[in-house]
């Protein structure tokens, strides 16, 4: 949190917020994951939000929603990220988001979709 307070550039603030959100994800603190992930969306560069940052934002948001049992919201976040990753050709992110979609469908017992 001190690093976030001391971060001067938007890039440093973005990296720090992402790290904080990931830590909360590890510890299972759903509300904090969603809170810090949403704060991430408020930071953009002069060129606008980079697609990879938006994809990672959607993935982290979906993970937070999944952790909280908000399966439909998690699906929405993952699908939005997946569409952007496919459109921009980000194959690694596409693979991760497909994996996350499978996890959500598994929790929903929609095994054919998983």
C-alpha atoms as a PDB file:
ATOM      1  CA  UNK A   1       0.000   0.000   0.000  1.00  0.00           C
ATOM      2  CA  UNK A   2       2.948   2.273   0.655  1.00  0.00           C
ATOM      3  CA  UNK A   3       4.206   1.560  -2.872  1.00  0.00           C
ATOM      4  CA  UNK A   4       0.825   2.617  -4.241  1.00  0.00           C
ATOM      5  CA  UNK A   5       0.959   5.840  -2.237  1.00  0.00           C
ATOM      6  CA  UNK A   6       4.507   6.543  -3.456  1.00  0.00           C
ATOM      7  CA  UNK A   7       3.869   5.639  -7.113  1.00  0.00           C
ATOM      8  CA  UNK A   8       4.247   8.734  -9.251  1.00  0.00           C
ATOM      9  CA  UNK A   9       3.582   7.418 -12.746  1.00  0.00           C
ATOM     10  CA  UNK A  10       0.409   5.814 -13.995  1.00  0.00           C
ATOM     11  CA  UNK A  11       2.400   2.750 -15.044  1.00  0.00           C
ATOM     12  CA  UNK A  12       3.743   2.274 -11.509  1.00  0.00           C
ATOM     13  CA  UNK A  13       0.291   2.806 -10.002  1.00  0.00           C
ATOM     14  CA  UNK A  14      -1.161   0.280 -12.440  1.00  0.00           C
ATOM     15  CA  UNK A  15       1.475  -2.365 -11.640  1.00  0.00           C
ATOM     16  CA  UNK A  16       1.053  -1.801  -7.912  1.00  0.00           C
ATOM     17  CA  UNK A  17      -2.750  -2.017  -8.021  1.00  0.00           C
ATOM     18  CA  UNK A  18      -2.496  -5.204 -10.063  1.00  0.00           C
ATOM     19  CA  UNK A  19      -0.093  -6.707  -7.509  1.00  0.00           C
ATOM     20  CA  UNK A  20      -2.352  -5.729  -4.600  1.00  0.00           C
ATOM     21  CA  UNK A  21      -5.397  -7.244  -6.318  1.00  0.00           C
ATOM     22  CA  UNK A  22      -3.467 -10.459  -6.996  1.00  0.00           C
ATOM     23  CA  UNK A  23      -2.425 -10.706  -3.341  1.00  0.00           C
ATOM     24  CA  UNK A  24      -6.042 -10.362  -2.256  1.00  0.00           C
ATOM     25  CA  UNK A  25      -6.954 -13.058  -4.777  1.00  0.00           C
ATOM     26  CA  UNK A  26      -4.409 -15.411  -3.209  1.00  0.00           C
ATOM     27  CA  UNK A  27      -5.894 -14.817   0.237  1.00  0.00           C
ATOM     28  CA  UNK A  28      -9.484 -15.173  -0.951  1.00  0.00           C
ATOM     29  CA  UNK A  29     -10.585 -11.612  -0.225  1.00  0.00           C
ATOM     30  CA  UNK A  30     -13.185 -11.237  -2.964  1.00  0.00           C
ATOM     31  CA  UNK A  31     -14.328  -7.696  -2.213  1.00  0.00           C
ATOM     32  CA  UNK A  32     -10.781  -6.351  -2.190  1.00  0.00           C
ATOM     33  CA  UNK A  33      -9.919  -8.119  -5.456  1.00  0.00           C
ATOM     34  CA  UNK A  34     -12.902  -6.501  -7.140  1.00  0.00           C
ATOM     35  CA  UNK A  35     -12.192  -3.105  -5.518  1.00  0.00           C
ATOM     36  CA  UNK A  36      -8.534  -2.919  -6.573  1.00  0.00           C
ATOM     37  CA  UNK A  37      -9.297  -4.329 -10.002  1.00  0.00           C
ATOM     38  CA  UNK A  38     -11.878  -1.613 -10.576  1.00  0.00           C
ATOM     39  CA  UNK A  39      -9.343   0.991  -9.447  1.00  0.00           C
ATOM     40  CA  UNK A  40      -7.045  -0.346 -12.161  1.00  0.00           C
ATOM     41  CA  UNK A  41      -9.589   0.611 -14.795  1.00  0.00           C
ATOM     42  CA  UNK A  42      -9.466   4.259 -13.671  1.00  0.00           C
ATOM     43  CA  UNK A  43      -5.782   4.548 -14.621  1.00  0.00           C
ATOM     44  CA  UNK A  44      -5.016   5.006 -18.258  1.00  0.00           C
ATOM     45  CA  UNK A  45      -2.076   6.210 -20.244  1.00  0.00           C
ATOM     46  CA  UNK A  46      -2.134   9.277 -22.507  1.00  0.00           C
ATOM     47  CA  UNK A  47      -2.600   6.844 -25.428  1.00  0.00           C
ATOM     48  CA  UNK A  48      -5.593   5.223 -23.720  1.00  0.00           C
ATOM     49  CA  UNK A  49      -5.825   1.870 -22.032  1.00  0.00           C
ATOM     50  CA  UNK A  50      -3.635  -0.713 -23.717  1.00  0.00           C
ATOM     51  CA  UNK A  51      -5.519  -3.839 -24.896  1.00  0.00           C
ATOM     52  CA  UNK A  52      -3.293  -6.161 -22.855  1.00  0.00           C
ATOM     53  CA  UNK A  53      -4.063  -4.170 -19.699  1.00  0.00           C
ATOM     54  CA  UNK A  54      -7.791  -4.378 -20.422  1.00  0.00           C
ATOM     55  CA  UNK A  55      -7.501  -8.131 -21.015  1.00  0.00           C
ATOM     56  CA  UNK A  56      -5.644  -8.611 -17.737  1.00  0.00           C
ATOM     57  CA  UNK A  57      -8.174  -6.381 -16.003  1.00  0.00           C
ATOM     58  CA  UNK A  58     -11.039  -8.547 -17.280  1.00  0.00           C
ATOM     59  CA  UNK A  59      -9.248 -11.726 -16.230  1.00  0.00           C
ATOM     60  CA  UNK A  60      -8.521 -10.460 -12.719  1.00  0.00           C
ATOM     61  CA  UNK A  61     -12.060  -9.119 -12.346  1.00  0.00           C
ATOM     62  CA  UNK A  62     -13.451 -12.472 -13.479  1.00  0.00           C
ATOM     63  CA  UNK A  63     -11.241 -14.310 -10.995  1.00  0.00           C
ATOM     64  CA  UNK A  64     -12.513 -12.081  -8.191  1.00  0.00           C
ATOM     65  CA  UNK A  65     -16.124 -12.638  -9.214  1.00  0.00           C
ATOM     66  CA  UNK A  66     -15.534 -16.394  -9.470  1.00  0.00           C
ATOM     67  CA  UNK A  67     -13.975 -16.417  -6.009  1.00  0.00           C
ATOM     68  CA  UNK A  68     -17.095 -14.726  -4.666  1.00  0.00           C
ATOM     69  CA  UNK A  69     -19.408 -17.234  -6.338  1.00  0.00           C
ATOM     70  CA  UNK A  70     -20.677 -14.677  -8.846  1.00  0.00           C
ATOM     71  CA  UNK A  71     -20.471 -17.116 -11.743  1.00  0.00           C
ATOM     72  CA  UNK A  72     -22.475 -15.187 -14.311  1.00  0.00           C
ATOM     73  CA  UNK A  73     -20.497 -12.002 -13.622  1.00  0.00           C
ATOM     74  CA  UNK A  74     -17.264 -13.998 -13.887  1.00  0.00           C
ATOM     75  CA  UNK A  75     -18.404 -15.415 -17.236  1.00  0.00           C
ATOM     76  CA  UNK A  76     -19.162 -11.931 -18.510  1.00  0.00           C
ATOM     77  CA  UNK A  77     -15.722 -10.632 -17.495  1.00  0.00           C
ATOM     78  CA  UNK A  78     -13.895 -13.611 -18.996  1.00  0.00           C
ATOM     79  CA  UNK A  79     -15.885 -13.477 -22.238  1.00  0.00           C
ATOM     80  CA  UNK A  80     -15.193  -9.744 -22.659  1.00  0.00           C
ATOM     81  CA  UNK A  81     -11.492 -10.359 -22.104  1.00  0.00           C
ATOM     82  CA  UNK A  82     -11.548 -13.343 -24.455  1.00  0.00           C
ATOM     83  CA  UNK A  83     -13.153 -11.347 -27.252  1.00  0.00           C
ATOM     84  CA  UNK A  84     -10.512  -8.629 -26.919  1.00  0.00           C
ATOM     85  CA  UNK A  85      -7.635 -11.103 -26.713  1.00  0.00           C
ATOM     86  CA  UNK A  86      -8.821 -12.852 -29.873  1.00  0.00           C
ATOM     87  CA  UNK A  87      -9.311  -9.553 -31.686  1.00  0.00           C
ATOM     88  CA  UNK A  88      -5.793  -8.369 -30.779  1.00  0.00           C
ATOM     89  CA  UNK A  89      -4.112 -11.748 -31.338  1.00  0.00           C
ATOM     90  CA  UNK A  90      -2.938 -12.244 -27.752  1.00  0.00           C
ATOM     91  CA  UNK A  91      -2.668 -16.049 -27.825  1.00  0.00           C
ATOM     92  CA  UNK A  92      -1.390 -16.529 -24.275  1.00  0.00           C
ATOM     93  CA  UNK A  93      -4.173 -14.442 -22.785  1.00  0.00           C
ATOM     94  CA  UNK A  94      -6.710 -16.229 -25.013  1.00  0.00           C
ATOM     95  CA  UNK A  95      -5.537 -19.567 -23.629  1.00  0.00           C
ATOM     96  CA  UNK A  96      -5.723 -18.364 -20.013  1.00  0.00           C
ATOM     97  CA  UNK A  97      -9.197 -16.928 -20.497  1.00  0.00           C
ATOM     98  CA  UNK A  98     -10.432 -20.159 -22.092  1.00  0.00           C
ATOM     99  CA  UNK A  99      -9.107 -22.000 -19.049  1.00  0.00           C
ATOM    100  CA  UNK A 100     -10.939 -19.586 -16.751  1.00  0.00           C
ATOM    101  CA  UNK A 101     -14.167 -20.075 -18.720  1.00  0.00           C
ATOM    102  CA  UNK A 102     -13.800 -23.819 -18.242  1.00  0.00           C
ATOM    103  CA  UNK A 103     -13.429 -23.308 -14.495  1.00  0.00           C
ATOM    104  CA  UNK A 104     -16.620 -21.245 -14.331  1.00  0.00           C
ATOM    105  CA  UNK A 105     -18.594 -23.764 -16.356  1.00  0.00           C
ATOM    106  CA  UNK A 106     -17.236 -26.500 -14.094  1.00  0.00           C
ATOM    107  CA  UNK A 107     -18.487 -24.675 -11.002  1.00  0.00           C
ATOM    108  CA  UNK A 108     -21.858 -24.254 -12.704  1.00  0.00           C
ATOM    109  CA  UNK A 109     -21.907 -27.997 -13.500  1.00  0.00           C
ATOM    110  CA  UNK A 110     -22.187 -27.207 -17.218  1.00  0.00           C
ATOM    111  CA  UNK A 111     -19.637 -29.863 -18.011  1.00  0.00           C
ATOM    112  CA  UNK A 112     -20.196 -29.999 -21.769  1.00  0.00           C
ATOM    113  CA  UNK A 113     -19.273 -26.313 -22.014  1.00  0.00           C
ATOM    114  CA  UNK A 114     -16.345 -26.768 -19.634  1.00  0.00           C
END
